[in-house]
PDB file of N, CA and C in Angstrom:
ATOM      1  N   UNK A   1      -2.670   6.960 -19.645  1.00  0.00           N
ATOM      2  CA  UNK A   1      -2.178   5.485 -19.434  1.00  0.00           C
ATOM      3  C   UNK A   1      -2.811   4.988 -17.873  1.00  0.00           C
ATOM      4  N   UNK A   2      -3.833   4.338 -16.935  1.00  0.00           N
ATOM      5  CA  UNK A   2      -3.614   4.478 -15.816  1.00  0.00           C
ATOM      6  C   UNK A   2      -2.412   3.536 -15.179  1.00  0.00           C
ATOM      7  N   UNK A   3      -2.118   3.966 -13.987  1.00  0.00           N
ATOM      8  CA  UNK A   3      -1.511   2.746 -13.184  1.00  0.00           C
ATOM      9  C   UNK A   3      -1.121   1.562 -13.270  1.00  0.00           C
ATOM     10  N   UNK A   4      -2.353   1.090 -12.948  1.00  0.00           N
ATOM     11  CA  UNK A   4      -2.893  -0.620 -13.329  1.00  0.00           C
ATOM     12  C   UNK A   4      -3.033  -0.962 -14.860  1.00  0.00           C
ATOM     13  N   UNK A   5      -2.612  -0.096 -15.650  1.00  0.00           N
ATOM     14  CA  UNK A   5      -2.550  -0.685 -17.124  1.00  0.00           C
ATOM     15  C   UNK A   5      -0.702  -0.324 -18.124  1.00  0.00           C
ATOM     16  N   UNK A   6      -0.206  -0.198 -16.942  1.00  0.00           N
ATOM     17  CA  UNK A   6       1.247  -0.206 -17.435  1.00  0.00           C
ATOM     18  C   UNK A   6       2.352  -1.095 -16.741  1.00  0.00           C
ATOM     19  N   UNK A   7       2.761  -2.019 -17.881  1.00  0.00           N
ATOM     20  CA  UNK A   7       3.947  -2.777 -17.663  1.00  0.00           C
ATOM     21  C   UNK A   7       4.796  -2.503 -17.085  1.00  0.00           C
ATOM     22  N   UNK A   8       5.387  -3.127 -16.116  1.00  0.00           N
ATOM     23  CA  UNK A   8       6.336  -2.609 -15.072  1.00  0.00           C
ATOM     24  C   UNK A   8       7.482  -3.793 -15.231  1.00  0.00           C
ATOM     25  N   UNK A   9       8.956  -4.006 -15.644  1.00  0.00           N
ATOM     26  CA  UNK A   9       9.893  -4.748 -15.585  1.00  0.00           C
ATOM     27  C   UNK A   9      10.064  -5.039 -13.191  1.00  0.00           C
ATOM     28  N   UNK A  10       9.537  -6.224 -13.057  1.00  0.00           N
ATOM     29  CA  UNK A  10      10.009  -6.501 -11.672  1.00  0.00           C
ATOM     30  C   UNK A  10      11.278  -6.951 -11.950  1.00  0.00           C
ATOM     31  N   UNK A  11      12.666  -7.142 -12.907  1.00  0.00           N
ATOM     32  CA  UNK A  11      13.693  -7.927 -12.431  1.00  0.00           C
ATOM     33  C   UNK A  11      14.265  -9.461 -13.238  1.00  0.00           C
ATOM     34  N   UNK A  12      15.310  -9.363 -13.004  1.00  0.00           N
ATOM     35  CA  UNK A  12      15.750 -10.690 -13.216  1.00  0.00           C
ATOM     36  C   UNK A  12      15.767 -11.703 -12.721  1.00  0.00           C
ATOM     37  N   UNK A  13      14.678 -12.732 -12.054  1.00  0.00           N
ATOM     38  CA  UNK A  13      14.945 -13.393 -10.569  1.00  0.00           C
ATOM     39  C   UNK A  13      15.906 -14.825 -11.361  1.00  0.00           C
ATOM     40  N   UNK A  14      15.852 -15.900 -10.698  1.00  0.00           N
ATOM     41  CA  UNK A  14      16.790 -16.916 -10.433  1.00  0.00           C
ATOM     42  C   UNK A  14      16.297 -17.562 -11.560  1.00  0.00           C
ATOM     43  N   UNK A  15      15.392 -17.590 -11.948  1.00  0.00           N
ATOM     44  CA  UNK A  15      14.519 -18.318 -13.455  1.00  0.00           C
ATOM     45  C   UNK A  15      14.471 -17.508 -13.915  1.00  0.00           C
ATOM     46  N   UNK A  16      13.589 -16.458 -14.192  1.00  0.00           N
ATOM     47  CA  UNK A  16      13.158 -15.976 -15.519  1.00  0.00           C
ATOM     48  C   UNK A  16      13.001 -14.595 -15.233  1.00  0.00           C
ATOM     49  N   UNK A  17      12.776 -13.178 -16.041  1.00  0.00           N
ATOM     50  CA  UNK A  17      12.496 -12.143 -16.104  1.00  0.00           C
ATOM     51  C   UNK A  17      10.667 -11.961 -15.415  1.00  0.00           C
ATOM     52  N   UNK A  18      10.446 -11.465 -15.245  1.00  0.00           N
ATOM     53  CA  UNK A  18       8.673 -11.122 -14.790  1.00  0.00           C
ATOM     54  C   UNK A  18       8.358  -9.632 -14.760  1.00  0.00           C
ATOM     55  N   UNK A  19       7.410  -9.656 -15.570  1.00  0.00           N
ATOM     56  CA  UNK A  19       6.682  -8.043 -15.230  1.00  0.00           C
ATOM     57  C   UNK A  19       5.199  -8.086 -14.731  1.00  0.00           C
ATOM     58  N   UNK A  20       4.996  -6.807 -14.522  1.00  0.00           N
ATOM     59  CA  UNK A  20       3.880  -6.372 -12.988  1.00  0.00           C
ATOM     60  C   UNK A  20       3.004  -6.081 -14.324  1.00  0.00           C
ATOM     61  N   UNK A  21       1.601  -6.164 -14.449  1.00  0.00           N
ATOM     62  CA  UNK A  21       0.738  -4.995 -14.760  1.00  0.00           C
ATOM     63  C   UNK A  21      -0.570  -5.110 -14.184  1.00  0.00           C
ATOM     64  N   UNK A  22      -0.677  -4.004 -13.292  1.00  0.00           N
ATOM     65  CA  UNK A  22      -1.911  -4.461 -12.125  1.00  0.00           C
ATOM     66  C   UNK A  22      -1.748  -4.664 -11.398  1.00  0.00           C
ATOM     67  N   UNK A  23      -2.771  -5.733 -11.133  1.00  0.00           N
ATOM     68  CA  UNK A  23      -2.433  -7.248 -10.108  1.00  0.00           C
ATOM     69  C   UNK A  23      -2.061  -8.108 -10.613  1.00  0.00           C
ATOM     70  N   UNK A  24      -1.426  -8.291 -11.836  1.00  0.00           N
ATOM     71  CA  UNK A  24      -1.138  -9.605 -12.447  1.00  0.00           C
ATOM     72  C   UNK A  24       0.408  -9.341 -12.745  1.00  0.00           C
ATOM     73  N   UNK A  25       0.940 -10.131 -12.410  1.00  0.00           N
ATOM     74  CA  UNK A  25       2.475 -10.689 -12.908  1.00  0.00           C
ATOM     75  C   UNK A  25       2.919 -11.546 -13.964  1.00  0.00           C
ATOM     76  N   UNK A  26       3.251 -11.003 -15.262  1.00  0.00           N
ATOM     77  CA  UNK A  26       3.580 -12.145 -16.233  1.00  0.00           C
ATOM     78  C   UNK A  26       4.734 -12.437 -16.424  1.00  0.00           C
ATOM     79  N   UNK A  27       4.971 -13.906 -16.362  1.00  0.00           N
ATOM     80  CA  UNK A  27       6.367 -14.575 -16.388  1.00  0.00           C
ATOM     81  C   UNK A  27       6.212 -15.581 -17.910  1.00  0.00           C
ATOM     82  N   UNK A  28       7.689 -15.857 -18.286  1.00  0.00           N
ATOM     83  CA  UNK A  28       7.351 -17.013 -19.329  1.00  0.00           C
ATOM     84  C   UNK A  28       6.806 -17.879 -18.804  1.00  0.00           C
ATOM     85  N   UNK A  29       5.931 -18.918 -19.515  1.00  0.00           N
ATOM     86  CA  UNK A  29       5.661 -20.163 -19.541  1.00  0.00           C
ATOM     87  C   UNK A  29       6.275 -21.486 -19.651  1.00  0.00           C
ATOM     88  N   UNK A  30       6.588 -22.428 -19.232  1.00  0.00           N
ATOM     89  CA  UNK A  30       7.124 -23.477 -19.047  1.00  0.00           C
ATOM     90  C   UNK A  30       6.393 -24.741 -19.717  1.00  0.00           C
ATOM     91  N   UNK A  31       6.900 -25.766 -19.360  1.00  0.00           N
ATOM     92  CA  UNK A  31       6.148 -26.939 -19.483  1.00  0.00           C
ATOM     93  C   UNK A  31       5.421 -27.332 -18.059  1.00  0.00           C
ATOM     94  N   UNK A  32       5.405 -26.781 -17.125  1.00  0.00           N
ATOM     95  CA  UNK A  32       5.408 -27.078 -15.790  1.00  0.00           C
ATOM     96  C   UNK A  32       4.535 -25.949 -15.215  1.00  0.00           C
ATOM     97  N   UNK A  33       4.070 -24.958 -16.333  1.00  0.00           N
ATOM     98  CA  UNK A  33       3.005 -24.068 -15.938  1.00  0.00           C
ATOM     99  C   UNK A  33       1.602 -24.626 -15.680  1.00  0.00           C
ATOM    100  N   UNK A  34       0.956 -25.495 -16.630  1.00  0.00           N
ATOM    101  CA  UNK A  34      -0.419 -26.207 -16.750  1.00  0.00           C
ATOM    102  C   UNK A  34      -0.672 -26.446 -14.983  1.00  0.00           C
ATOM    103  N   UNK A  35       0.388 -27.157 -14.185  1.00  0.00           N
ATOM    104  CA  UNK A  35       0.715 -27.868 -13.220  1.00  0.00           C
ATOM    105  C   UNK A  35       0.590 -26.690 -12.225  1.00  0.00           C
ATOM    106  N   UNK A  36       1.354 -25.885 -12.436  1.00  0.00           N
ATOM    107  CA  UNK A  36       1.561 -25.043 -11.831  1.00  0.00           C
ATOM    108  C   UNK A  36      -0.011 -24.148 -11.254  1.00  0.00           C
ATOM    109  N   UNK A  37      -0.112 -23.536 -12.341  1.00  0.00           N
ATOM    110  CA  UNK A  37      -2.113 -23.124 -12.220  1.00  0.00           C
ATOM    111  C   UNK A  37      -2.723 -23.832 -11.430  1.00  0.00           C
ATOM    112  N   UNK A  38      -2.712 -24.867 -11.716  1.00  0.00           N
ATOM    113  CA  UNK A  38      -3.652 -26.014 -11.408  1.00  0.00           C
ATOM    114  C   UNK A  38      -3.392 -26.193  -9.755  1.00  0.00           C
ATOM    115  N   UNK A  39      -1.710 -25.980  -8.993  1.00  0.00           N
ATOM    116  CA  UNK A  39      -1.951 -26.056  -7.971  1.00  0.00           C
ATOM    117  C   UNK A  39      -1.740 -24.702  -6.912  1.00  0.00           C
ATOM    118  N   UNK A  40      -1.338 -23.908  -7.753  1.00  0.00           N
ATOM    119  CA  UNK A  40      -2.052 -22.514  -6.936  1.00  0.00           C
ATOM    120  C   UNK A  40      -3.791 -22.557  -6.646  1.00  0.00           C
ATOM    121  N   UNK A  41      -4.588 -22.802  -8.033  1.00  0.00           N
ATOM    122  CA  UNK A  41      -6.435 -23.175  -7.715  1.00  0.00           C
ATOM    123  C   UNK A  41      -6.248 -23.912  -6.261  1.00  0.00           C
ATOM    124  N   UNK A  42      -5.765 -25.096  -6.221  1.00  0.00           N
ATOM    125  CA  UNK A  42      -5.490 -25.913  -5.181  1.00  0.00           C
ATOM    126  C   UNK A  42      -5.235 -24.998  -4.039  1.00  0.00           C
ATOM    127  N   UNK A  43      -4.449 -24.592  -4.084  1.00  0.00           N
ATOM    128  CA  UNK A  43      -4.322 -23.787  -2.690  1.00  0.00           C
ATOM    129  C   UNK A  43      -5.099 -22.501  -2.232  1.00  0.00           C
ATOM    130  N   UNK A  44      -5.367 -21.694  -3.484  1.00  0.00           N
ATOM    131  CA  UNK A  44      -7.031 -20.390  -3.326  1.00  0.00           C
ATOM    132  C   UNK A  44      -7.599 -21.471  -2.902  1.00  0.00           C
ATOM    133  N   UNK A  45      -8.630 -22.141  -2.938  1.00  0.00           N
ATOM    134  CA  UNK A  45      -9.246 -23.093  -2.297  1.00  0.00           C
ATOM    135  C   UNK A  45      -9.247 -23.565  -1.519  1.00  0.00           C
ATOM    136  N   UNK A  46      -7.637 -23.738  -0.875  1.00  0.00           N
ATOM    137  CA  UNK A  46      -8.000 -23.689   1.071  1.00  0.00           C
ATOM    138  C   UNK A  46      -7.799 -22.881   1.605  1.00  0.00           C
ATOM    139  N   UNK A  47      -7.911 -21.403   0.897  1.00  0.00           N
ATOM    140  CA  UNK A  47      -7.517 -20.045   1.484  1.00  0.00           C
ATOM    141  C   UNK A  47      -6.104 -19.968   2.009  1.00  0.00           C
ATOM    142  N   UNK A  48      -5.159 -20.316   1.468  1.00  0.00           N
ATOM    143  CA  UNK A  48      -3.724 -20.193   1.294  1.00  0.00           C
ATOM    144  C   UNK A  48      -3.658 -18.406   1.389  1.00  0.00           C
ATOM    145  N   UNK A  49      -3.074 -17.910   2.220  1.00  0.00           N
ATOM    146  CA  UNK A  49      -2.775 -16.643   2.310  1.00  0.00           C
ATOM    147  C   UNK A  49      -1.166 -16.071   1.418  1.00  0.00           C
ATOM    148  N   UNK A  50      -0.304 -17.338   1.444  1.00  0.00           N
ATOM    149  CA  UNK A  50       0.752 -16.818   1.075  1.00  0.00           C
ATOM    150  C   UNK A  50       1.432 -17.270  -0.578  1.00  0.00           C
ATOM    151  N   UNK A  51       0.188 -17.671  -1.100  1.00  0.00           N
ATOM    152  CA  UNK A  51       0.316 -18.326  -2.727  1.00  0.00           C
ATOM    153  C   UNK A  51      -0.490 -17.242  -3.208  1.00  0.00           C
ATOM    154  N   UNK A  52       0.292 -16.665  -5.024  1.00  0.00           N
ATOM    155  CA  UNK A  52      -0.540 -15.970  -5.332  1.00  0.00           C
ATOM    156  C   UNK A  52      -1.423 -17.195  -6.418  1.00  0.00           C
ATOM    157  N   UNK A  53      -2.460 -15.858  -6.658  1.00  0.00           N
ATOM    158  CA  UNK A  53      -3.777 -16.377  -7.008  1.00  0.00           C
ATOM    159  C   UNK A  53      -3.419 -16.772  -8.683  1.00  0.00           C
ATOM    160  N   UNK A  54      -4.173 -17.803  -9.129  1.00  0.00           N
ATOM    161  CA  UNK A  54      -3.233 -18.393 -10.719  1.00  0.00           C
ATOM    162  C   UNK A  54      -4.194 -17.317 -11.298  1.00  0.00           C
ATOM    163  N   UNK A  55      -3.364 -17.205 -12.434  1.00  0.00           N
ATOM    164  CA  UNK A  55      -4.461 -15.983 -13.287  1.00  0.00           C
ATOM    165  C   UNK A  55      -4.214 -16.602 -14.819  1.00  0.00           C
ATOM    166  N   UNK A  56      -3.929 -18.001 -15.025  1.00  0.00           N
ATOM    167  CA  UNK A  56      -3.814 -18.450 -16.278  1.00  0.00           C
ATOM    168  C   UNK A  56      -2.999 -18.523 -17.155  1.00  0.00           C
ATOM    169  N   UNK A  57      -3.145 -19.381 -17.993  1.00  0.00           N
ATOM    170  CA  UNK A  57      -1.971 -18.967 -19.430  1.00  0.00           C
ATOM    171  C   UNK A  57      -2.830 -18.110 -20.643  1.00  0.00           C
ATOM    172  N   UNK A  58      -2.547 -16.870 -20.611  1.00  0.00           N
ATOM    173  CA  UNK A  58      -3.277 -16.241 -21.508  1.00  0.00           C
ATOM    174  C   UNK A  58      -2.553 -15.969 -23.003  1.00  0.00           C
ATOM    175  N   UNK A  59      -1.450 -16.349 -22.973  1.00  0.00           N
ATOM    176  CA  UNK A  59      -0.917 -16.524 -24.011  1.00  0.00           C
ATOM    177  C   UNK A  59       0.182 -17.403 -24.354  1.00  0.00           C
ATOM    178  N   UNK A  60       0.701 -18.243 -25.187  1.00  0.00           N
ATOM    179  CA  UNK A  60       1.049 -19.137 -25.530  1.00  0.00           C
ATOM    180  C   UNK A  60       2.116 -19.239 -24.485  1.00  0.00           C
ATOM    181  N   UNK A  61       2.950 -17.673 -24.868  1.00  0.00           N
ATOM    182  CA  UNK A  61       4.310 -18.111 -24.027  1.00  0.00           C
ATOM    183  C   UNK A  61       4.941 -17.326 -22.624  1.00  0.00           C
ATOM    184  N   UNK A  62       3.365 -17.375 -22.013  1.00  0.00           N
ATOM    185  CA  UNK A  62       3.674 -16.538 -20.480  1.00  0.00           C
ATOM    186  C   UNK A  62       1.799 -17.056 -19.760  1.00  0.00           C
ATOM    187  N   UNK A  63       2.630 -16.919 -18.418  1.00  0.00           N
ATOM    188  CA  UNK A  63       1.584 -17.391 -17.407  1.00  0.00           C
ATOM    189  C   UNK A  63       0.985 -16.366 -16.580  1.00  0.00           C
ATOM    190  N   UNK A  64       0.341 -16.268 -16.190  1.00  0.00           N
ATOM    191  CA  UNK A  64      -0.279 -15.138 -15.100  1.00  0.00           C
ATOM    192  C   UNK A  64       0.104 -15.505 -13.767  1.00  0.00           C
ATOM    193  N   UNK A  65      -0.006 -14.861 -12.711  1.00  0.00           N
ATOM    194  CA  UNK A  65      -0.241 -15.063 -11.372  1.00  0.00           C
ATOM    195  C   UNK A  65      -0.749 -13.555 -10.740  1.00  0.00           C
ATOM    196  N   UNK A  66      -1.194 -13.669  -9.376  1.00  0.00           N
ATOM    197  CA  UNK A  66      -1.369 -12.379  -9.115  1.00  0.00           C
ATOM    198  C   UNK A  66       0.011 -11.963  -8.112  1.00  0.00           C
ATOM    199  N   UNK A  67      -0.184 -10.561  -7.883  1.00  0.00           N
ATOM    200  CA  UNK A  67       1.024 -10.117  -7.401  1.00  0.00           C
ATOM    201  C   UNK A  67       0.452  -9.913  -5.967  1.00  0.00           C
ATOM    202  N   UNK A  68       2.086 -10.048  -5.147  1.00  0.00           N
ATOM    203  CA  UNK A  68       2.296 -10.523  -3.713  1.00  0.00           C
ATOM    204  C   UNK A  68       3.080  -9.591  -3.365  1.00  0.00           C
ATOM    205  N   UNK A  69       2.521  -8.347  -2.226  1.00  0.00           N
ATOM    206  CA  UNK A  69       3.478  -7.502  -1.446  1.00  0.00           C
ATOM    207  C   UNK A  69       4.556  -8.110  -1.144  1.00  0.00           C
ATOM    208  N   UNK A  70       5.795  -8.141  -1.435  1.00  0.00           N
ATOM    209  CA  UNK A  70       7.000  -8.161  -0.590  1.00  0.00           C
ATOM    210  C   UNK A  70       8.174  -8.665  -1.219  1.00  0.00           C
ATOM    211  N   UNK A  71       9.801  -9.268  -0.906  1.00  0.00           N
ATOM    212  CA  UNK A  71      10.599  -9.280  -1.400  1.00  0.00           C
ATOM    213  C   UNK A  71      10.624 -10.503  -2.453  1.00  0.00           C
ATOM    214  N   UNK A  72      11.493 -10.587  -3.986  1.00  0.00           N
ATOM    215  CA  UNK A  72      11.763 -11.976  -4.575  1.00  0.00           C
ATOM    216  C   UNK A  72      12.805 -12.303  -4.221  1.00  0.00           C
ATOM    217  N   UNK A  73      13.343 -13.526  -4.160  1.00  0.00           N
ATOM    218  CA  UNK A  73      14.229 -14.251  -3.532  1.00  0.00           C
ATOM    219  C   UNK A  73      16.085 -13.360  -3.875  1.00  0.00           C
ATOM    220  N   UNK A  74      15.623 -12.721  -4.844  1.00  0.00           N
ATOM    221  CA  UNK A  74      17.106 -12.340  -5.492  1.00  0.00           C
ATOM    222  C   UNK A  74      17.175 -10.787  -4.417  1.00  0.00           C
ATOM    223  N   UNK A  75      15.760 -10.580  -4.187  1.00  0.00           N
ATOM    224  CA  UNK A  75      15.694  -8.762  -3.816  1.00  0.00           C
ATOM    225  C   UNK A  75      16.561  -9.505  -2.050  1.00  0.00           C
ATOM    226  N   UNK A  76      15.738 -10.060  -1.866  1.00  0.00           N
ATOM    227  CA  UNK A  76      16.181 -10.616  -0.114  1.00  0.00           C
ATOM    228  C   UNK A  76      17.710 -11.090  -0.071  1.00  0.00           C
ATOM    229  N   UNK A  77      18.475 -11.842  -0.873  1.00  0.00           N
ATOM    230  CA  UNK A  77      20.186 -12.218  -1.051  1.00  0.00           C
ATOM    231  C   UNK A  77      20.581 -10.826  -0.690  1.00  0.00           C
ATOM    232  N   UNK A  78      19.954 -10.043  -1.687  1.00  0.00           N
ATOM    233  CA  UNK A  78      20.612  -8.663  -2.046  1.00  0.00           C
ATOM    234  C   UNK A  78      20.736  -8.104  -0.889  1.00  0.00           C
ATOM    235  N   UNK A  79      19.464  -8.218   0.203  1.00  0.00           N
ATOM    236  CA  UNK A  79      19.403  -7.284   1.447  1.00  0.00           C
ATOM    237  C   UNK A  79      20.195  -8.349   2.682  1.00  0.00           C
ATOM    238  N   UNK A  80      20.495  -9.539   2.292  1.00  0.00           N
ATOM    239  CA  UNK A  80      21.838 -10.089   2.998  1.00  0.00           C
ATOM    240  C   UNK A  80      20.763 -10.747   3.880  1.00  0.00           C
ATOM    241  N   UNK A  81      19.656 -11.183   3.650  1.00  0.00           N
ATOM    242  CA  UNK A  81      18.508 -12.383   3.484  1.00  0.00           C
ATOM    243  C   UNK A  81      18.871 -13.664   3.650  1.00  0.00           C
ATOM    244  N   UNK A  82      18.509 -14.952   3.845  1.00  0.00           N
ATOM    245  CA  UNK A  82      18.114 -16.378   3.446  1.00  0.00           C
ATOM    246  C   UNK A  82      16.881 -16.590   3.169  1.00  0.00           C
ATOM    247  N   UNK A  83      16.627 -17.120   1.432  1.00  0.00           N
ATOM    248  CA  UNK A  83      15.397 -17.278   1.320  1.00  0.00           C
ATOM    249  C   UNK A  83      14.833 -19.016   1.753  1.00  0.00           C
TER     250      UNK A  83
END
């Protein structure tokens, strides 16, 4: 199996557990997921480089966003930073 096809657990953040498969981060959906996907689409259309790309709602129980290299809030706190 190619590296980009392997799903990897990214840790448990402050809100939920997420996994990464290739360029996509999968996270549990919420009642706000459709709004978040639309908001990310607007930011992408405005050439915003700090926000993830929307990946849609491929399954009833999760949504996708693109992976952005960096530290999650919980990783930053563990390193002594302030999100």
